[in-house]
Amino acid sequence: IAYNDITFIHNDIKKLRQLEILNIEGNQLSALPSGLLNLPLK
C-alpha cells in the first residue's frame, strides 16, 4: 500500500496470519500498529 495518504493502520492487521511481505513506505504513518508484532513478516 506504498505511497498513499494513509495516516493510521488498524490493529486488526494482526488477523492476516499469513502475511510475510508488507510495504507501507511513502505514507503519513508516524508509528506502526502493535498487531504487526504478531505476524510472521519477512
Full PDB file with SEQRES, HELIX, SHEET, SSBOND, CRYST1, ORIGX, SCALE, CONECT and MASTER records, all heavy atoms in Angstrom:
SEQRES   1 A   42  ILE ALA TYR ASN ASP ILE THR PHE ILE HIS ASN ASP ILE          
SEQRES   2 A   42  LYS LYS LEU ARG GLN LEU GLU ILE LEU ASN ILE GLU GLY          
SEQRES   3 A   42  ASN GLN LEU SER ALA LEU PRO SER GLY LEU LEU ASN LEU          
SEQRES   4 A   42  PRO LEU LYS                                                  
HELIX    1 AA1 ASN A   11  LYS A   15  5                                   5    
HELIX    2 AA2 SER A   34  ASN A   38  5                                   5    
CRYST1    1.000    1.000    1.000  90.00  90.00  90.00 P 1           1          
ORIGX1      1.000000  0.000000  0.000000        0.00000                         
ORIGX2      0.000000  1.000000  0.000000        0.00000                         
ORIGX3      0.000000  0.000000  1.000000        0.00000                         
SCALE1      1.000000  0.000000  0.000000        0.00000                         
SCALE2      0.000000  1.000000  0.000000        0.00000                         
SCALE3      0.000000  0.000000  1.000000        0.00000                         
ATOM      1  N   ILE A   1       0.846  -1.198   0.000  1.00  0.00           N  
ATOM      2  CA  ILE A   1       0.000   0.000   0.000  1.00  0.00           C  
ATOM      3  C   ILE A   1       0.883   1.251   0.000  1.00  0.00           C  
ATOM      4  O   ILE A   1       0.492   2.300   0.501  1.00  0.00           O  
ATOM      5  CB  ILE A   1      -0.942   0.010   1.216  1.00  0.00           C  
ATOM      6  CG1 ILE A   1      -0.149  -0.157   2.520  1.00  0.00           C  
ATOM      7  CG2 ILE A   1      -1.999  -1.073   1.098  1.00  0.00           C  
ATOM      8  CD1 ILE A   1      -0.961   0.019   3.774  1.00  0.00           C  
ATOM      9  N   ALA A   2       2.063   1.134  -0.579  1.00  0.00           N  
ATOM     10  CA  ALA A   2       3.040   2.223  -0.552  1.00  0.00           C  
ATOM     11  C   ALA A   2       2.530   3.456  -1.293  1.00  0.00           C  
ATOM     12  O   ALA A   2       1.757   3.362  -2.239  1.00  0.00           O  
ATOM     13  CB  ALA A   2       4.353   1.752  -1.175  1.00  0.00           C  
ATOM     14  N   TYR A   3       2.978   4.618  -0.823  1.00  0.00           N  
ATOM     15  CA  TYR A   3       2.712   5.906  -1.454  1.00  0.00           C  
ATOM     16  C   TYR A   3       1.218   6.159  -1.667  1.00  0.00           C  
ATOM     17  O   TYR A   3       0.730   6.320  -2.783  1.00  0.00           O  
ATOM     18  CB  TYR A   3       3.505   6.026  -2.759  1.00  0.00           C  
ATOM     19  CG  TYR A   3       4.981   6.085  -2.476  1.00  0.00           C  
ATOM     20  CD1 TYR A   3       5.760   4.930  -2.539  1.00  0.00           C  
ATOM     21  CD2 TYR A   3       5.588   7.265  -2.069  1.00  0.00           C  
ATOM     22  CE1 TYR A   3       7.113   4.954  -2.216  1.00  0.00           C  
ATOM     23  CE2 TYR A   3       6.947   7.309  -1.743  1.00  0.00           C  
ATOM     24  CZ  TYR A   3       7.696   6.145  -1.817  1.00  0.00           C  
ATOM     25  OH  TYR A   3       9.022   6.170  -1.487  1.00  0.00           O  
ATOM     26  N   ASN A   4       0.511   6.172  -0.539  1.00  0.00           N  
ATOM     27  CA  ASN A   4      -0.865   6.626  -0.457  1.00  0.00           C  
ATOM     28  C   ASN A   4      -0.908   7.738   0.588  1.00  0.00           C  
ATOM     29  O   ASN A   4       0.125   8.308   0.926  1.00  0.00           O  
ATOM     30  CB  ASN A   4      -1.792   5.459  -0.109  1.00  0.00           C  
ATOM     31  CG  ASN A   4      -2.121   4.592  -1.320  1.00  0.00           C  
ATOM     32  OD1 ASN A   4      -2.976   4.919  -2.123  1.00  0.00           O  
ATOM     33  ND2 ASN A   4      -1.407   3.463  -1.446  1.00  0.00           N  
ATOM     34  N   ASP A   5      -2.077   8.037   1.124  1.00  0.00           N  
ATOM     35  CA  ASP A   5      -2.215   9.079   2.142  1.00  0.00           C  
ATOM     36  C   ASP A   5      -2.681   8.492   3.466  1.00  0.00           C  
ATOM     37  O   ASP A   5      -3.462   9.109   4.206  1.00  0.00           O  
ATOM     38  CB  ASP A   5      -3.199  10.157   1.669  1.00  0.00           C  
ATOM     39  CG  ASP A   5      -2.683  10.914   0.467  1.00  0.00           C  
ATOM     40  OD1 ASP A   5      -1.473  11.216   0.439  1.00  0.00           O  
ATOM     41  OD2 ASP A   5      -3.473  11.197  -0.452  1.00  0.00           O  
ATOM     42  N   ILE A   6      -2.230   7.308   3.797  1.00  0.00           N  
ATOM     43  CA  ILE A   6      -2.679   6.593   4.985  1.00  0.00           C  
ATOM     44  C   ILE A   6      -1.949   7.111   6.225  1.00  0.00           C  
ATOM     45  O   ILE A   6      -0.719   7.168   6.253  1.00  0.00           O  
ATOM     46  CB  ILE A   6      -2.446   5.083   4.809  1.00  0.00           C  
ATOM     47  CG1 ILE A   6      -3.270   4.570   3.632  1.00  0.00           C  
ATOM     48  CG2 ILE A   6      -2.799   4.316   6.074  1.00  0.00           C  
ATOM     49  CD1 ILE A   6      -2.945   3.148   3.228  1.00  0.00           C  
ATOM     50  N   THR A   7      -2.719   7.499   7.234  1.00  0.00           N  
ATOM     51  CA  THR A   7      -2.142   8.016   8.476  1.00  0.00           C  
ATOM     52  C   THR A   7      -2.210   7.005   9.625  1.00  0.00           C  
ATOM     53  O   THR A   7      -1.539   7.179  10.634  1.00  0.00           O  
ATOM     54  CB  THR A   7      -2.871   9.296   8.910  1.00  0.00           C  
ATOM     55  OG1 THR A   7      -4.264   9.009   9.111  1.00  0.00           O  
ATOM     56  CG2 THR A   7      -2.740  10.381   7.848  1.00  0.00           C  
ATOM     57  N   PHE A   8      -3.036   5.966   9.461  1.00  0.00           N  
ATOM     58  CA  PHE A   8      -3.252   5.021  10.561  1.00  0.00           C  
ATOM     59  C   PHE A   8      -3.632   3.670   9.985  1.00  0.00           C  
ATOM     60  O   PHE A   8      -4.409   3.588   9.038  1.00  0.00           O  
ATOM     61  CB  PHE A   8      -4.360   5.541  11.484  1.00  0.00           C  
ATOM     62  CG  PHE A   8      -4.719   4.605  12.604  1.00  0.00           C  
ATOM     63  CD1 PHE A   8      -3.918   4.515  13.726  1.00  0.00           C  
ATOM     64  CD2 PHE A   8      -5.856   3.818  12.537  1.00  0.00           C  
ATOM     65  CE1 PHE A   8      -4.232   3.641  14.760  1.00  0.00           C  
ATOM     66  CE2 PHE A   8      -6.192   2.948  13.567  1.00  0.00           C  
ATOM     67  CZ  PHE A   8      -5.375   2.863  14.685  1.00  0.00           C  
ATOM     68  N   ILE A   9      -3.071   2.612  10.540  1.00  0.00           N  
ATOM     69  CA  ILE A   9      -3.438   1.249  10.169  1.00  0.00           C  
ATOM     70  C   ILE A   9      -4.036   0.572  11.400  1.00  0.00           C  
ATOM     71  O   ILE A   9      -3.421   0.534  12.462  1.00  0.00           O  
ATOM     72  CB  ILE A   9      -2.219   0.453   9.672  1.00  0.00           C  
ATOM     73  CG1 ILE A   9      -1.657   1.101   8.401  1.00  0.00           C  
ATOM     74  CG2 ILE A   9      -2.603  -0.998   9.388  1.00  0.00           C  
ATOM     75  CD1 ILE A   9      -0.410   0.411   7.878  1.00  0.00           C  
ATOM     76  N   HIS A  10      -5.229   0.054  11.244  1.00  0.00           N  
ATOM     77  CA  HIS A  10      -5.940  -0.548  12.376  1.00  0.00           C  
ATOM     78  C   HIS A  10      -5.201  -1.784  12.883  1.00  0.00           C  
ATOM     79  O   HIS A  10      -4.553  -2.511  12.120  1.00  0.00           O  
ATOM     80  CB  HIS A  10      -7.363  -0.936  11.956  1.00  0.00           C  
ATOM     81  CG  HIS A  10      -8.282  -1.151  13.114  1.00  0.00           C  
ATOM     82  ND1 HIS A  10      -8.322  -2.332  13.824  1.00  0.00           N  
ATOM     83  CD2 HIS A  10      -9.178  -0.319  13.709  1.00  0.00           C  
ATOM     84  CE1 HIS A  10      -9.215  -2.234  14.792  1.00  0.00           C  
ATOM     85  NE2 HIS A  10      -9.755  -1.021  14.754  1.00  0.00           N  
ATOM     86  N   ASN A  11      -5.311  -2.000  14.157  1.00  0.00           N  
ATOM     87  CA  ASN A  11      -4.628  -3.125  14.791  1.00  0.00           C  
ATOM     88  C   ASN A  11      -5.156  -4.481  14.318  1.00  0.00           C  
ATOM     89  O   ASN A  11      -4.532  -5.512  14.558  1.00  0.00           O  
ATOM     90  CB  ASN A  11      -4.753  -3.028  16.316  1.00  0.00           C  
ATOM     91  CG  ASN A  11      -3.596  -3.689  17.031  1.00  0.00           C  
ATOM     92  OD1 ASN A  11      -2.490  -3.712  16.521  1.00  0.00           O  
ATOM     93  ND2 ASN A  11      -3.848  -4.243  18.200  1.00  0.00           N  
ATOM     94  N   ASP A  12      -6.296  -4.491  13.625  1.00  0.00           N  
ATOM     95  CA  ASP A  12      -6.837  -5.745  13.098  1.00  0.00           C  
ATOM     96  C   ASP A  12      -5.953  -6.356  12.024  1.00  0.00           C  
ATOM     97  O   ASP A  12      -6.213  -7.480  11.576  1.00  0.00           O  
ATOM     98  CB  ASP A  12      -8.246  -5.520  12.535  1.00  0.00           C  
ATOM     99  CG  ASP A  12      -9.299  -5.473  13.626  1.00  0.00           C  
ATOM    100  OD1 ASP A  12      -8.976  -5.812  14.774  1.00  0.00           O  
ATOM    101  OD2 ASP A  12     -10.454  -5.091  13.345  1.00  0.00           O  
ATOM    102  N   ILE A  13      -4.911  -5.640  11.622  1.00  0.00           N  
ATOM    103  CA  ILE A  13      -3.978  -6.225  10.659  1.00  0.00           C  
ATOM    104  C   ILE A  13      -3.353  -7.499  11.224  1.00  0.00           C  
ATOM    105  O   ILE A  13      -2.853  -8.346  10.471  1.00  0.00           O  
ATOM    106  CB  ILE A  13      -2.880  -5.200  10.276  1.00  0.00           C  
ATOM    107  CG1 ILE A  13      -2.138  -5.660   9.014  1.00  0.00           C  
ATOM    108  CG2 ILE A  13      -1.931  -4.957  11.434  1.00  0.00           C  
ATOM    109  CD1 ILE A  13      -1.161  -4.655   8.466  1.00  0.00           C  
ATOM    110  N   LYS A  14      -3.428  -7.668  12.535  1.00  0.00           N  
ATOM    111  CA  LYS A  14      -2.891  -8.877  13.168  1.00  0.00           C  
ATOM    112  C   LYS A  14      -3.648 -10.134  12.736  1.00  0.00           C  
ATOM    113  O   LYS A  14      -3.178 -11.256  12.934  1.00  0.00           O  
ATOM    114  CB  LYS A  14      -2.933  -8.753  14.686  1.00  0.00           C  
ATOM    115  CG  LYS A  14      -4.339  -8.643  15.259  1.00  0.00           C  
ATOM    116  CD  LYS A  14      -4.310  -8.398  16.755  1.00  0.00           C  
ATOM    117  CE  LYS A  14      -5.712  -8.219  17.321  1.00  0.00           C  
ATOM    118  NZ  LYS A  14      -5.678  -7.935  18.787  1.00  0.00           N  
ATOM    119  N   LYS A  15      -4.839  -9.955  12.122  1.00  0.00           N  
ATOM    120  CA  LYS A  15      -5.618 -11.099  11.650  1.00  0.00           C  
ATOM    121  C   LYS A  15      -5.035 -11.720  10.388  1.00  0.00           C  
ATOM    122  O   LYS A  15      -5.405 -12.839  10.022  1.00  0.00           O  
ATOM    123  CB  LYS A  15      -7.059 -10.674  11.399  1.00  0.00           C  
ATOM    124  CG  LYS A  15      -7.808 -10.210  12.641  1.00  0.00           C  
ATOM    125  CD  LYS A  15      -9.215  -9.760  12.298  1.00  0.00           C  
ATOM    126  CE  LYS A  15      -9.956  -9.268  13.532  1.00  0.00           C  
ATOM    127  NZ  LYS A  15     -11.330  -8.793  13.200  1.00  0.00           N  
ATOM    128  N   LEU A  16      -4.151 -10.999   9.700  1.00  0.00           N  
ATOM    129  CA  LEU A  16      -3.540 -11.516   8.469  1.00  0.00           C  
ATOM    130  C   LEU A  16      -2.390 -12.458   8.835  1.00  0.00           C  
ATOM    131  O   LEU A  16      -1.215 -12.129   8.681  1.00  0.00           O  
ATOM    132  CB  LEU A  16      -3.044 -10.361   7.598  1.00  0.00           C  
ATOM    133  CG  LEU A  16      -4.113  -9.358   7.149  1.00  0.00           C  
ATOM    134  CD1 LEU A  16      -3.484  -8.241   6.339  1.00  0.00           C  
ATOM    135  CD2 LEU A  16      -5.200 -10.054   6.339  1.00  0.00           C  
ATOM    136  N   ARG A  17      -2.729 -13.626   9.296  1.00  0.00           N  
ATOM    137  CA  ARG A  17      -1.756 -14.559   9.875  1.00  0.00           C  
ATOM    138  C   ARG A  17      -0.747 -15.093   8.866  1.00  0.00           C  
ATOM    139  O   ARG A  17       0.305 -15.607   9.253  1.00  0.00           O  
ATOM    140  CB  ARG A  17      -2.497 -15.736  10.518  1.00  0.00           C  
ATOM    141  CG  ARG A  17      -3.364 -15.337  11.714  1.00  0.00           C  
ATOM    142  CD  ARG A  17      -2.501 -14.892  12.870  1.00  0.00           C  
ATOM    143  NE  ARG A  17      -3.280 -14.622  14.070  1.00  0.00           N  
ATOM    144  CZ  ARG A  17      -2.765 -14.196  15.209  1.00  0.00           C  
ATOM    145  NH1 ARG A  17      -1.460 -14.004  15.302  1.00  0.00           N  
ATOM    146  NH2 ARG A  17      -3.525 -13.955  16.256  1.00  0.00           N  
ATOM    147  N   GLN A  18      -1.034 -14.981   7.562  1.00  0.00           N  
ATOM    148  CA  GLN A  18      -0.126 -15.484   6.544  1.00  0.00           C  
ATOM    149  C   GLN A  18       0.766 -14.390   5.961  1.00  0.00           C  
ATOM    150  O   GLN A  18       1.604 -14.667   5.100  1.00  0.00           O  
ATOM    151  CB  GLN A  18      -0.934 -16.129   5.400  1.00  0.00           C  
ATOM    152  CG  GLN A  18      -1.869 -17.248   5.823  1.00  0.00           C  
ATOM    153  CD  GLN A  18      -1.132 -18.407   6.455  1.00  0.00           C  
ATOM    154  OE1 GLN A  18      -0.061 -18.797   5.980  1.00  0.00           O  
ATOM    155  NE2 GLN A  18      -1.696 -18.975   7.511  1.00  0.00           N  
ATOM    156  N   LEU A  19       0.612 -13.147   6.416  1.00  0.00           N  
ATOM    157  CA  LEU A  19       1.309 -12.022   5.803  1.00  0.00           C  
ATOM    158  C   LEU A  19       2.818 -12.094   6.043  1.00  0.00           C  
ATOM    159  O   LEU A  19       3.269 -12.122   7.180  1.00  0.00           O  
ATOM    160  CB  LEU A  19       0.755 -10.706   6.347  1.00  0.00           C  
ATOM    161  CG  LEU A  19       1.126  -9.440   5.568  1.00  0.00           C  
ATOM    162  CD1 LEU A  19       0.518  -9.474   4.171  1.00  0.00           C  
ATOM    163  CD2 LEU A  19       0.675  -8.196   6.304  1.00  0.00           C  
ATOM    164  N   GLU A  20       3.582 -12.106   4.965  1.00  0.00           N  
ATOM    165  CA  GLU A  20       5.034 -12.178   5.050  1.00  0.00           C  
ATOM    166  C   GLU A  20       5.712 -10.942   4.469  1.00  0.00           C  
ATOM    167  O   GLU A  20       6.827 -10.607   4.871  1.00  0.00           O  
ATOM    168  CB  GLU A  20       5.543 -13.426   4.314  1.00  0.00           C  
ATOM    169  CG  GLU A  20       5.074 -14.740   4.932  1.00  0.00           C  
ATOM    170  CD  GLU A  20       5.644 -15.947   4.209  1.00  0.00           C  
ATOM    171  OE1 GLU A  20       6.212 -15.765   3.101  1.00  0.00           O  
ATOM    172  OE2 GLU A  20       5.517 -17.062   4.739  1.00  0.00           O  
ATOM    173  N   ILE A  21       5.058 -10.267   3.521  1.00  0.00           N  
ATOM    174  CA  ILE A  21       5.641  -9.093   2.864  1.00  0.00           C  
ATOM    175  C   ILE A  21       4.685  -7.913   3.020  1.00  0.00           C  
ATOM    176  O   ILE A  21       3.521  -8.008   2.653  1.00  0.00           O  
ATOM    177  CB  ILE A  21       5.899  -9.364   1.370  1.00  0.00           C  
ATOM    178  CG1 ILE A  21       6.890 -10.517   1.207  1.00  0.00           C  
ATOM    179  CG2 ILE A  21       6.414  -8.108   0.669  1.00  0.00           C  
ATOM    180  CD1 ILE A  21       7.091 -10.944  -0.235  1.00  0.00           C  
ATOM    181  N   LEU A  22       5.189  -6.816   3.583  1.00  0.00           N  
ATOM    182  CA  LEU A  22       4.372  -5.630   3.797  1.00  0.00           C  
ATOM    183  C   LEU A  22       5.164  -4.395   3.391  1.00  0.00           C  
ATOM    184  O   LEU A  22       6.236  -4.133   3.919  1.00  0.00           O  
ATOM    185  CB  LEU A  22       3.941  -5.525   5.262  1.00  0.00           C  
ATOM    186  CG  LEU A  22       3.128  -4.276   5.649  1.00  0.00           C  
ATOM    187  CD1 LEU A  22       1.816  -4.227   4.889  1.00  0.00           C  
ATOM    188  CD2 LEU A  22       2.879  -4.235   7.150  1.00  0.00           C  
ATOM    189  N   ASN A  23       4.604  -3.633   2.457  1.00  0.00           N  
ATOM    190  CA  ASN A  23       5.228  -2.390   2.013  1.00  0.00           C  
ATOM    191  C   ASN A  23       4.287  -1.240   2.339  1.00  0.00           C  
ATOM    192  O   ASN A  23       3.207  -1.122   1.745  1.00  0.00           O  
ATOM    193  CB  ASN A  23       5.510  -2.437   0.506  1.00  0.00           C  
ATOM    194  CG  ASN A  23       6.317  -1.227   0.044  1.00  0.00           C  
ATOM    195  OD1 ASN A  23       6.547  -0.280   0.792  1.00  0.00           O  
ATOM    196  ND2 ASN A  23       6.732  -1.244  -1.209  1.00  0.00           N  
ATOM    197  N   ILE A  24       4.672  -0.394   3.301  1.00  0.00           N  
ATOM    198  CA  ILE A  24       3.838   0.744   3.701  1.00  0.00           C  
ATOM    199  C   ILE A  24       4.617   2.053   3.583  1.00  0.00           C  
ATOM    200  O   ILE A  24       4.235   3.064   4.178  1.00  0.00           O  
ATOM    201  CB  ILE A  24       3.324   0.569   5.145  1.00  0.00           C  
ATOM    202  CG1 ILE A  24       4.481   0.330   6.117  1.00  0.00           C  
ATOM    203  CG2 ILE A  24       2.321  -0.564   5.225  1.00  0.00           C  
ATOM    204  CD1 ILE A  24       4.064   0.202   7.561  1.00  0.00           C  
ATOM    205  N   GLU A  25       5.703   2.053   2.830  1.00  0.00           N  
ATOM    206  CA  GLU A  25       6.514   3.263   2.714  1.00  0.00           C  
ATOM    207  C   GLU A  25       5.751   4.358   1.965  1.00  0.00           C  
ATOM    208  O   GLU A  25       4.791   4.110   1.240  1.00  0.00           O  
ATOM    209  CB  GLU A  25       7.828   2.964   2.003  1.00  0.00           C  
ATOM    210  CG  GLU A  25       7.709   2.631   0.530  1.00  0.00           C  
ATOM    211  CD  GLU A  25       9.065   2.507  -0.141  1.00  0.00           C  
ATOM    212  OE1 GLU A  25      10.006   3.175   0.309  1.00  0.00           O  
ATOM    213  OE2 GLU A  25       9.172   1.737  -1.097  1.00  0.00           O  
ATOM    214  N   GLY A  26       6.185   5.608   2.187  1.00  0.00           N  
ATOM    215  CA  GLY A  26       5.596   6.718   1.472  1.00  0.00           C  
ATOM    216  C   GLY A  26       4.209   7.099   1.937  1.00  0.00           C  
ATOM    217  O   GLY A  26       3.457   7.739   1.196  1.00  0.00           O  
ATOM    218  N   ASN A  27       3.824   6.720   3.155  1.00  0.00           N  
ATOM    219  CA  ASN A  27       2.546   7.129   3.727  1.00  0.00           C  
ATOM    220  C   ASN A  27       2.799   8.119   4.866  1.00  0.00           C  
ATOM    221  O   ASN A  27       3.933   8.501   5.133  1.00  0.00           O  
ATOM    222  CB  ASN A  27       1.764   5.906   4.219  1.00  0.00           C  
ATOM    223  CG  ASN A  27       1.070   5.170   3.086  1.00  0.00           C  
ATOM    224  OD1 ASN A  27       0.057   5.618   2.570  1.00  0.00           O  
ATOM    225  ND2 ASN A  27       1.636   4.032   2.682  1.00  0.00           N  
ATOM    226  N   GLN A  28       1.735   8.524   5.546  1.00  0.00           N  
ATOM    227  CA  GLN A  28       1.864   9.519   6.605  1.00  0.00           C  
ATOM    228  C   GLN A  28       1.824   8.864   7.990  1.00  0.00           C  
ATOM    229  O   GLN A  28       1.312   9.445   8.945  1.00  0.00           O  
ATOM    230  CB  GLN A  28       0.752  10.563   6.464  1.00  0.00           C  
ATOM    231  CG  GLN A  28       0.811  11.314   5.144  1.00  0.00           C  
ATOM    232  CD  GLN A  28      -0.210  12.424   5.058  1.00  0.00           C  
ATOM    233  OE1 GLN A  28      -0.418  13.163   6.015  1.00  0.00           O  
ATOM    234  NE2 GLN A  28      -0.846  12.548   3.914  1.00  0.00           N  
ATOM    235  N   LEU A  29       2.373   7.689   8.087  1.00  0.00           N  
ATOM    236  CA  LEU A  29       2.384   6.954   9.352  1.00  0.00           C  
ATOM    237  C   LEU A  29       3.493   7.466  10.256  1.00  0.00           C  
ATOM    238  O   LEU A  29       4.625   7.659   9.823  1.00  0.00           O  
ATOM    239  CB  LEU A  29       2.590   5.468   9.083  1.00  0.00           C  
ATOM    240  CG  LEU A  29       1.503   4.766   8.263  1.00  0.00           C  
ATOM    241  CD1 LEU A  29       1.991   3.415   7.802  1.00  0.00           C  
ATOM    242  CD2 LEU A  29       0.239   4.625   9.088  1.00  0.00           C  
ATOM    243  N   SER A  30       3.170   7.666  11.527  1.00  0.00           N  
ATOM    244  CA  SER A  30       4.175   8.081  12.498  1.00  0.00           C  
ATOM    245  C   SER A  30       4.556   6.939  13.442  1.00  0.00           C  
ATOM    246  O   SER A  30       5.534   7.037  14.180  1.00  0.00           O  
ATOM    247  CB  SER A  30       3.673   9.280  13.306  1.00  0.00           C  
ATOM    248  OG  SER A  30       2.404   9.012  13.853  1.00  0.00           O  
ATOM    249  N   ALA A  31       3.775   5.861  13.429  1.00  0.00           N  
ATOM    250  CA  ALA A  31       4.083   4.659  14.212  1.00  0.00           C  
ATOM    251  C   ALA A  31       3.333   3.497  13.583  1.00  0.00           C  
ATOM    252  O   ALA A  31       2.449   3.693  12.740  1.00  0.00           O  
ATOM    253  CB  ALA A  31       3.703   4.832  15.681  1.00  0.00           C  
ATOM    254  N   LEU A  32       3.667   2.300  14.003  1.00  0.00           N  
ATOM    255  CA  LEU A  32       3.086   1.091  13.435  1.00  0.00           C  
ATOM    256  C   LEU A  32       2.066   0.483  14.391  1.00  0.00           C  
ATOM    257  O   LEU A  32       2.172   0.643  15.613  1.00  0.00           O  
ATOM    258  CB  LEU A  32       4.191   0.071  13.152  1.00  0.00           C  
ATOM    259  CG  LEU A  32       5.326   0.557  12.248  1.00  0.00           C  
ATOM    260  CD1 LEU A  32       6.428  -0.505  12.191  1.00  0.00           C  
ATOM    261  CD2 LEU A  32       4.807   0.865  10.861  1.00  0.00           C  
ATOM    262  N   PRO A  33       1.071  -0.233  13.868  1.00  0.00           N  
ATOM    263  CA  PRO A  33       0.117  -0.908  14.768  1.00  0.00           C  
ATOM    264  C   PRO A  33       0.795  -2.041  15.506  1.00  0.00           C  
ATOM    265  O   PRO A  33       1.612  -2.779  14.932  1.00  0.00           O  
ATOM    266  CB  PRO A  33      -0.961  -1.425  13.799  1.00  0.00           C  
ATOM    267  CG  PRO A  33      -0.258  -1.568  12.491  1.00  0.00           C  
ATOM    268  CD  PRO A  33       0.754  -0.463  12.446  1.00  0.00           C  
ATOM    269  N   SER A  34       0.481  -2.184  16.772  1.00  0.00           N  
ATOM    270  CA  SER A  34       1.128  -3.220  17.578  1.00  0.00           C  
ATOM    271  C   SER A  34       0.825  -4.620  17.069  1.00  0.00           C  
ATOM    272  O   SER A  34       1.570  -5.555  17.352  1.00  0.00           O  
ATOM    273  CB  SER A  34       0.689  -3.086  19.036  1.00  0.00           C  
ATOM    274  OG  SER A  34      -0.725  -3.224  19.161  1.00  0.00           O  
ATOM    275  N   GLY A  35      -0.273  -4.769  16.315  1.00  0.00           N  
ATOM    276  CA  GLY A  35      -0.629  -6.083  15.781  1.00  0.00           C  
ATOM    277  C   GLY A  35       0.418  -6.668  14.861  1.00  0.00           C  
ATOM    278  O   GLY A  35       0.480  -7.893  14.673  1.00  0.00           O  
ATOM    279  N   LEU A  36       1.285  -5.824  14.291  1.00  0.00           N  
ATOM    280  CA  LEU A  36       2.347  -6.330  13.418  1.00  0.00           C  
ATOM    281  C   LEU A  36       3.301  -7.252  14.171  1.00  0.00           C  
ATOM    282  O   LEU A  36       3.936  -8.127  13.577  1.00  0.00           O  
ATOM    283  CB  LEU A  36       3.141  -5.166  12.816  1.00  0.00           C  
ATOM    284  CG  LEU A  36       2.490  -4.333  11.718  1.00  0.00           C  
ATOM    285  CD1 LEU A  36       3.488  -3.336  11.165  1.00  0.00           C  
ATOM    286  CD2 LEU A  36       1.954  -5.212  10.595  1.00  0.00           C  
ATOM    287  N   LEU A  37       3.411  -7.046  15.477  1.00  0.00           N  
ATOM    288  CA  LEU A  37       4.329  -7.857  16.278  1.00  0.00           C  
ATOM    289  C   LEU A  37       3.905  -9.322  16.331  1.00  0.00           C  
ATOM    290  O   LEU A  37       4.699 -10.188  16.708  1.00  0.00           O  
ATOM    291  CB  LEU A  37       4.421  -7.290  17.697  1.00  0.00           C  
ATOM    292  CG  LEU A  37       5.039  -5.890  17.813  1.00  0.00           C  
ATOM    293  CD1 LEU A  37       4.798  -5.312  19.200  1.00  0.00           C  
ATOM    294  CD2 LEU A  37       6.528  -5.945  17.505  1.00  0.00           C  
ATOM    295  N   ASN A  38       2.656  -9.595  15.962  1.00  0.00           N  
ATOM    296  CA  ASN A  38       2.146 -10.966  15.986  1.00  0.00           C  
ATOM    297  C   ASN A  38       2.231 -11.659  14.633  1.00  0.00           C  
ATOM    298  O   ASN A  38       1.790 -12.801  14.501  1.00  0.00           O  
ATOM    299  CB  ASN A  38       0.677 -10.965  16.447  1.00  0.00           C  
ATOM    300  CG  ASN A  38       0.494 -10.392  17.832  1.00  0.00           C  
ATOM    301  OD1 ASN A  38       1.318 -10.631  18.704  1.00  0.00           O  
ATOM    302  ND2 ASN A  38      -0.565  -9.640  18.040  1.00  0.00           N  
ATOM    303  N   LEU A  39       2.777 -10.968  13.618  1.00  0.00           N  
ATOM    304  CA  LEU A  39       2.778 -11.508  12.266  1.00  0.00           C  
ATOM    305  C   LEU A  39       4.147 -12.082  11.892  1.00  0.00           C  
ATOM    306  O   LEU A  39       5.181 -11.618  12.374  1.00  0.00           O  
ATOM    307  CB  LEU A  39       2.388 -10.414  11.271  1.00  0.00           C  
ATOM    308  CG  LEU A  39       0.984  -9.826  11.442  1.00  0.00           C  
ATOM    309  CD1 LEU A  39       0.715  -8.785  10.366  1.00  0.00           C  
ATOM    310  CD2 LEU A  39      -0.068 -10.922  11.381  1.00  0.00           C  
ATOM    311  N   PRO A  40       4.160 -13.059  10.975  1.00  0.00           N  
ATOM    312  CA  PRO A  40       5.431 -13.694  10.554  1.00  0.00           C  
ATOM    313  C   PRO A  40       6.098 -12.920   9.417  1.00  0.00           C  
ATOM    314  O   PRO A  40       6.500 -13.511   8.413  1.00  0.00           O  
ATOM    315  CB  PRO A  40       4.963 -15.080  10.096  1.00  0.00           C  
ATOM    316  CG  PRO A  40       3.593 -14.831   9.531  1.00  0.00           C  
ATOM    317  CD  PRO A  40       2.985 -13.754  10.406  1.00  0.00           C  
ATOM    318  N   LEU A  41       6.234 -11.601   9.554  1.00  0.00           N  
ATOM    319  CA  LEU A  41       6.786 -10.784   8.481  1.00  0.00           C  
ATOM    320  C   LEU A  41       8.245 -11.133   8.207  1.00  0.00           C  
ATOM    321  O   LEU A  41       9.059 -11.224   9.125  1.00  0.00           O  
ATOM    322  CB  LEU A  41       6.683  -9.301   8.830  1.00  0.00           C  
ATOM    323  CG  LEU A  41       5.292  -8.666   8.804  1.00  0.00           C  
ATOM    324  CD1 LEU A  41       5.397  -7.178   9.119  1.00  0.00           C  
ATOM    325  CD2 LEU A  41       4.609  -8.861   7.460  1.00  0.00           C  
ATOM    326  N   LYS A  42       8.568 -11.269   6.932  1.00  0.00           N  
ATOM    327  CA  LYS A  42       9.938 -11.495   6.490  1.00  0.00           C  
ATOM    328  C   LYS A  42      10.495 -10.272   5.778  1.00  0.00           C  
ATOM    329  O   LYS A  42      11.720 -10.153   5.611  1.00  0.00           O  
ATOM    330  CB  LYS A  42       9.993 -12.708   5.561  1.00  0.00           C  
ATOM    331  CG  LYS A  42       9.590 -14.016   6.221  1.00  0.00           C  
ATOM    332  CD  LYS A  42       9.655 -15.171   5.225  1.00  0.00           C  
ATOM    333  CE  LYS A  42       9.246 -16.489   5.885  1.00  0.00           C  
ATOM    334  NZ  LYS A  42       9.274 -17.610   4.907  1.00  0.00           N  
TER     335      LYS A  42                                                      
MASTER        0    0    0    2    0    0    0    6  334    1    0    4          
END                                                                             
